[in-house]
Amino acid sequence: MRAYELMIIFTADTDESAVQVQINKLSELAEAVGGSLEKIDKWGVRRFAFEIKKRHEGFYVVLEFLAPGALDEIDRTLRLADDVIRHKFLRLPLKEAHKRGLAAASA
């Protein structure tokens, strides 16, 4: 299994219950491909350095999860979500995954 980090920026006016619903949906998609959601870090509303889609603030969430690969369905779901401004996947290098405690399952 590979370790991934996913940062999602929701619109600033999205309430936390809607964010949690989206996180639950992503967790179910990860489990469907044999992965697991390991950590959820909600940063809250932050101001952007520059305007994105005519907005100045967004609600940041960072997820760490393990998956065997194929993140296409998660990516598709986030692209279609109306309340998501941006999202970014990052495959964690093995050294960083060890530091975060995710490498035991990914080795």
N, C-alpha and C. Protein backbone atom coordinates (compact mmCIF):
# COMPACT_ATOMS: atom_id res chain seq x y z
N MET A 1 0.84 -1.18 0.00
CA MET A 1 0.00 0.00 0.00
C MET A 1 0.88 1.24 0.00
N ARG A 2 0.39 2.25 -0.65
CA ARG A 2 1.09 3.52 -0.73
C ARG A 2 0.46 4.52 0.21
N ALA A 3 1.28 5.42 0.74
CA ALA A 3 0.79 6.47 1.62
C ALA A 3 0.55 7.73 0.80
N TYR A 4 -0.59 8.36 1.01
CA TYR A 4 -0.97 9.58 0.29
C TYR A 4 -1.41 10.65 1.27
N GLU A 5 -1.21 11.90 0.83
CA GLU A 5 -1.78 13.05 1.53
C GLU A 5 -2.68 13.75 0.52
N LEU A 6 -3.84 14.16 0.98
CA LEU A 6 -4.80 14.85 0.14
C LEU A 6 -5.23 16.13 0.82
N MET A 7 -4.98 17.26 0.17
CA MET A 7 -5.45 18.54 0.69
C MET A 7 -6.66 18.96 -0.12
N ILE A 8 -7.71 19.34 0.58
CA ILE A 8 -8.94 19.79 -0.06
C ILE A 8 -9.25 21.19 0.46
N ILE A 9 -9.61 22.09 -0.43
CA ILE A 9 -10.05 23.42 -0.04
C ILE A 9 -11.52 23.53 -0.41
N PHE A 10 -12.36 23.62 0.61
CA PHE A 10 -13.80 23.82 0.42
C PHE A 10 -14.09 25.30 0.44
N THR A 11 -15.25 25.69 -0.07
CA THR A 11 -15.65 27.10 0.01
C THR A 11 -15.76 27.49 1.49
N ALA A 12 -15.48 28.73 1.80
CA ALA A 12 -15.45 29.18 3.19
C ALA A 12 -16.83 29.11 3.85
N ASP A 13 -17.89 29.20 3.07
CA ASP A 13 -19.24 29.18 3.64
C ASP A 13 -19.79 27.75 3.82
N THR A 14 -18.99 26.73 3.52
CA THR A 14 -19.41 25.35 3.72
C THR A 14 -19.40 25.05 5.21
N ASP A 15 -20.52 24.54 5.74
CA ASP A 15 -20.55 24.24 7.17
C ASP A 15 -19.82 22.92 7.44
N GLU A 16 -19.41 22.74 8.68
CA GLU A 16 -18.56 21.61 9.04
C GLU A 16 -19.27 20.26 8.87
N SER A 17 -20.58 20.23 8.99
CA SER A 17 -21.29 18.97 8.79
C SER A 17 -21.23 18.53 7.32
N ALA A 18 -21.29 19.48 6.40
CA ALA A 18 -21.17 19.15 4.98
C ALA A 18 -19.76 18.67 4.65
N VAL A 19 -18.77 19.27 5.30
CA VAL A 19 -17.39 18.83 5.12
C VAL A 19 -17.23 17.40 5.62
N GLN A 20 -17.83 17.10 6.78
CA GLN A 20 -17.74 15.75 7.35
C GLN A 20 -18.43 14.73 6.45
N VAL A 21 -19.53 15.08 5.84
CA VAL A 21 -20.22 14.19 4.90
C VAL A 21 -19.30 13.86 3.72
N GLN A 22 -18.63 14.87 3.20
CA GLN A 22 -17.71 14.66 2.07
C GLN A 22 -16.53 13.78 2.49
N ILE A 23 -16.00 13.98 3.71
CA ILE A 23 -14.89 13.17 4.21
C ILE A 23 -15.33 11.72 4.36
N ASN A 24 -16.53 11.50 4.87
CA ASN A 24 -17.05 10.13 5.01
C ASN A 24 -17.18 9.46 3.64
N LYS A 25 -17.62 10.22 2.65
CA LYS A 25 -17.75 9.68 1.30
C LYS A 25 -16.39 9.29 0.74
N LEU A 26 -15.37 10.13 0.96
CA LEU A 26 -14.02 9.83 0.50
C LEU A 26 -13.44 8.61 1.22
N SER A 27 -13.75 8.49 2.49
CA SER A 27 -13.30 7.33 3.26
C SER A 27 -13.90 6.04 2.69
N GLU A 28 -15.17 6.08 2.36
CA GLU A 28 -15.83 4.91 1.76
C GLU A 28 -15.22 4.57 0.41
N LEU A 29 -14.88 5.58 -0.39
CA LEU A 29 -14.25 5.32 -1.69
C LEU A 29 -12.86 4.71 -1.52
N ALA A 30 -12.11 5.18 -0.52
CA ALA A 30 -10.78 4.62 -0.26
C ALA A 30 -10.89 3.16 0.18
N GLU A 31 -11.88 2.87 1.03
CA GLU A 31 -12.08 1.50 1.50
C GLU A 31 -12.54 0.59 0.36
N ALA A 32 -13.25 1.13 -0.61
CA ALA A 32 -13.74 0.35 -1.74
C ALA A 32 -12.59 -0.18 -2.61
N VAL A 33 -11.49 0.57 -2.66
CA VAL A 33 -10.33 0.12 -3.44
C VAL A 33 -9.30 -0.59 -2.57
N GLY A 34 -9.65 -0.86 -1.32
CA GLY A 34 -8.75 -1.59 -0.43
C GLY A 34 -7.86 -0.72 0.43
N GLY A 35 -8.16 0.57 0.52
CA GLY A 35 -7.35 1.49 1.32
C GLY A 35 -8.02 1.83 2.63
N SER A 36 -7.43 2.79 3.34
CA SER A 36 -8.00 3.23 4.61
C SER A 36 -7.60 4.67 4.90
N LEU A 37 -8.50 5.41 5.49
CA LEU A 37 -8.25 6.79 5.92
C LEU A 37 -7.59 6.73 7.28
N GLU A 38 -6.41 7.31 7.40
CA GLU A 38 -5.63 7.20 8.63
C GLU A 38 -5.73 8.43 9.53
N LYS A 39 -5.80 9.63 8.93
CA LYS A 39 -5.79 10.85 9.73
C LYS A 39 -6.58 11.95 9.02
N ILE A 40 -7.32 12.71 9.81
CA ILE A 40 -8.07 13.87 9.31
C ILE A 40 -7.59 15.09 10.08
N ASP A 41 -7.19 16.12 9.37
CA ASP A 41 -6.72 17.34 10.01
C ASP A 41 -7.49 18.51 9.40
N LYS A 42 -8.43 19.07 10.16
CA LYS A 42 -9.22 20.21 9.68
C LYS A 42 -8.52 21.49 10.13
N TRP A 43 -8.08 22.26 9.16
CA TRP A 43 -7.38 23.51 9.45
C TRP A 43 -8.33 24.66 9.65
N GLY A 44 -9.53 24.56 9.16
CA GLY A 44 -10.49 25.64 9.28
C GLY A 44 -10.38 26.63 8.13
N VAL A 45 -10.99 27.78 8.30
CA VAL A 45 -11.02 28.81 7.25
C VAL A 45 -9.71 29.59 7.28
N ARG A 46 -9.09 29.70 6.09
CA ARG A 46 -7.85 30.45 5.94
C ARG A 46 -7.98 31.38 4.74
N ARG A 47 -7.26 32.47 4.81
CA ARG A 47 -7.26 33.44 3.71
C ARG A 47 -6.26 32.99 2.65
N PHE A 48 -6.63 33.14 1.38
CA PHE A 48 -5.76 32.79 0.27
C PHE A 48 -4.71 33.88 0.05
N ALA A 49 -3.58 33.50 -0.51
CA ALA A 49 -2.56 34.47 -0.89
C ALA A 49 -3.00 35.26 -2.13
N PHE A 50 -3.86 34.62 -2.95
CA PHE A 50 -4.39 35.27 -4.14
C PHE A 50 -5.79 34.73 -4.38
N GLU A 51 -6.54 35.43 -5.18
CA GLU A 51 -7.93 35.06 -5.44
C GLU A 51 -8.00 33.77 -6.25
N ILE A 52 -8.88 32.85 -5.82
CA ILE A 52 -9.11 31.59 -6.53
C ILE A 52 -10.61 31.50 -6.80
N LYS A 53 -10.97 31.41 -8.06
CA LYS A 53 -12.37 31.32 -8.47
C LYS A 53 -13.23 32.41 -7.81
N LYS A 54 -12.73 33.61 -7.80
CA LYS A 54 -13.40 34.80 -7.25
C LYS A 54 -13.69 34.68 -5.76
N ARG A 55 -12.85 33.95 -5.05
CA ARG A 55 -12.98 33.79 -3.59
C ARG A 55 -11.67 34.16 -2.93
N HIS A 56 -11.76 34.60 -1.67
CA HIS A 56 -10.59 35.04 -0.93
C HIS A 56 -10.26 34.15 0.27
N GLU A 57 -11.20 33.24 0.64
CA GLU A 57 -11.00 32.36 1.78
C GLU A 57 -11.51 30.96 1.43
N GLY A 58 -10.97 29.98 2.17
CA GLY A 58 -11.42 28.61 1.98
C GLY A 58 -11.25 27.80 3.25
N PHE A 59 -12.00 26.71 3.35
CA PHE A 59 -11.94 25.80 4.51
C PHE A 59 -11.01 24.65 4.12
N TYR A 60 -9.86 24.56 4.79
CA TYR A 60 -8.84 23.58 4.46
C TYR A 60 -9.00 22.30 5.27
N VAL A 61 -8.82 21.16 4.59
CA VAL A 61 -8.82 19.85 5.24
C VAL A 61 -7.68 19.04 4.62
N VAL A 62 -6.88 18.39 5.48
CA VAL A 62 -5.80 17.53 5.01
C VAL A 62 -6.08 16.11 5.49
N LEU A 63 -6.06 15.16 4.55
CA LEU A 63 -6.31 13.76 4.86
C LEU A 63 -5.06 12.95 4.55
N GLU A 64 -4.75 11.99 5.41
CA GLU A 64 -3.68 11.04 5.14
C GLU A 64 -4.33 9.67 5.05
N PHE A 65 -4.00 8.95 3.99
CA PHE A 65 -4.59 7.63 3.84
C PHE A 65 -3.67 6.68 3.11
N LEU A 66 -3.97 5.41 3.22
CA LEU A 66 -3.25 4.35 2.54
C LEU A 66 -4.15 3.80 1.45
N ALA A 67 -3.57 3.55 0.29
CA ALA A 67 -4.33 2.99 -0.82
C ALA A 67 -3.37 2.21 -1.72
N PRO A 68 -3.86 1.16 -2.36
CA PRO A 68 -2.99 0.38 -3.25
C PRO A 68 -2.68 1.08 -4.57
N GLY A 69 -3.32 2.17 -4.86
CA GLY A 69 -3.14 2.91 -6.11
C GLY A 69 -4.49 3.43 -6.57
N ALA A 70 -4.69 3.60 -7.84
CA ALA A 70 -5.96 3.93 -8.48
C ALA A 70 -6.85 4.86 -7.66
N LEU A 71 -6.53 6.13 -7.66
CA LEU A 71 -7.31 7.12 -6.93
C LEU A 71 -8.25 7.88 -7.86
N ASP A 72 -8.55 7.29 -8.98
CA ASP A 72 -9.36 7.95 -10.00
C ASP A 72 -10.75 8.32 -9.51
N GLU A 73 -11.40 7.43 -8.78
CA GLU A 73 -12.78 7.70 -8.33
C GLU A 73 -12.81 8.83 -7.29
N ILE A 74 -11.81 8.88 -6.42
CA ILE A 74 -11.73 9.96 -5.43
C ILE A 74 -11.51 11.29 -6.16
N ASP A 75 -10.60 11.29 -7.12
CA ASP A 75 -10.32 12.49 -7.90
C ASP A 75 -11.57 12.95 -8.65
N ARG A 76 -12.29 12.03 -9.25
CA ARG A 76 -13.51 12.35 -9.99
C ARG A 76 -14.57 12.95 -9.07
N THR A 77 -14.73 12.36 -7.89
CA THR A 77 -15.71 12.85 -6.92
C THR A 77 -15.39 14.29 -6.50
N LEU A 78 -14.13 14.58 -6.26
CA LEU A 78 -13.74 15.93 -5.84
C LEU A 78 -13.88 16.94 -6.98
N ARG A 79 -13.62 16.52 -8.21
CA ARG A 79 -13.79 17.43 -9.35
C ARG A 79 -15.25 17.81 -9.56
N LEU A 80 -16.15 16.89 -9.26
CA LEU A 80 -17.59 17.15 -9.47
C LEU A 80 -18.26 17.86 -8.30
N ALA A 81 -17.62 17.88 -7.14
CA ALA A 81 -18.22 18.50 -5.95
C ALA A 81 -18.28 20.02 -6.13
N ASP A 82 -19.45 20.59 -5.90
CA ASP A 82 -19.63 22.03 -6.07
C ASP A 82 -18.95 22.85 -4.98
N ASP A 83 -18.81 22.28 -3.78
CA ASP A 83 -18.24 23.04 -2.67
C ASP A 83 -16.73 22.89 -2.55
N VAL A 84 -16.08 22.19 -3.48
CA VAL A 84 -14.62 22.04 -3.46
C VAL A 84 -14.01 23.04 -4.44
N ILE A 85 -13.12 23.89 -3.93
CA ILE A 85 -12.45 24.87 -4.78
C ILE A 85 -11.25 24.22 -5.46
N ARG A 86 -10.41 23.55 -4.68
CA ARG A 86 -9.22 22.87 -5.19
C ARG A 86 -8.95 21.63 -4.35
N HIS A 87 -8.22 20.69 -4.94
CA HIS A 87 -7.72 19.54 -4.20
C HIS A 87 -6.40 19.11 -4.83
N LYS A 88 -5.56 18.48 -4.00
CA LYS A 88 -4.25 18.06 -4.48
C LYS A 88 -3.84 16.78 -3.78
N PHE A 89 -3.49 15.75 -4.58
CA PHE A 89 -2.95 14.50 -4.05
C PHE A 89 -1.44 14.61 -4.00
N LEU A 90 -0.87 13.97 -2.99
CA LEU A 90 0.58 13.89 -2.89
C LEU A 90 0.92 12.49 -2.42
N ARG A 91 1.67 11.76 -3.23
CA ARG A 91 2.13 10.45 -2.78
C ARG A 91 3.35 10.69 -1.90
N LEU A 92 3.26 10.24 -0.66
CA LEU A 92 4.33 10.49 0.30
C LEU A 92 5.51 9.58 0.02
N PRO A 93 6.73 10.14 0.02
CA PRO A 93 7.91 9.29 -0.10
C PRO A 93 8.00 8.35 1.11
N LEU A 94 8.67 7.24 0.95
CA LEU A 94 8.73 6.23 2.00
C LEU A 94 9.31 6.80 3.30
N LYS A 95 10.31 7.65 3.20
CA LYS A 95 10.92 8.25 4.39
C LYS A 95 9.91 9.10 5.17
N GLU A 96 9.11 9.90 4.44
CA GLU A 96 8.09 10.74 5.08
C GLU A 96 6.97 9.88 5.65
N ALA A 97 6.60 8.81 4.96
CA ALA A 97 5.56 7.90 5.45
C ALA A 97 6.01 7.24 6.75
N HIS A 98 7.30 6.91 6.86
CA HIS A 98 7.84 6.36 8.11
C HIS A 98 7.71 7.37 9.24
N LYS A 99 8.05 8.63 8.97
CA LYS A 99 7.96 9.68 9.99
C LYS A 99 6.54 9.86 10.49
N ARG A 100 5.56 9.69 9.60
CA ARG A 100 4.16 9.88 9.97
C ARG A 100 3.49 8.61 10.50
N GLY A 101 4.23 7.52 10.52
CA GLY A 101 3.68 6.27 11.03
C GLY A 101 2.80 5.53 10.04
N LEU A 102 2.96 5.82 8.76
CA LEU A 102 2.14 5.19 7.73
C LEU A 102 2.90 4.11 6.96
N ALA A 103 4.19 3.99 7.19
CA ALA A 103 5.02 3.12 6.36
C ALA A 103 4.95 1.65 6.74
N ALA A 104 4.50 1.32 7.93
CA ALA A 104 4.45 -0.09 8.33
C ALA A 104 3.57 -0.89 7.38
N ALA A 105 2.45 -0.32 7.00
CA ALA A 105 1.53 -1.01 6.08
C ALA A 105 1.95 -0.84 4.63
N SER A 106 2.74 0.20 4.34
CA SER A 106 3.08 0.46 2.94
C SER A 106 4.38 -0.19 2.51
N ALA A 107 5.13 -0.76 3.43
CA ALA A 107 6.42 -1.36 3.08
C ALA A 107 6.26 -2.70 2.41
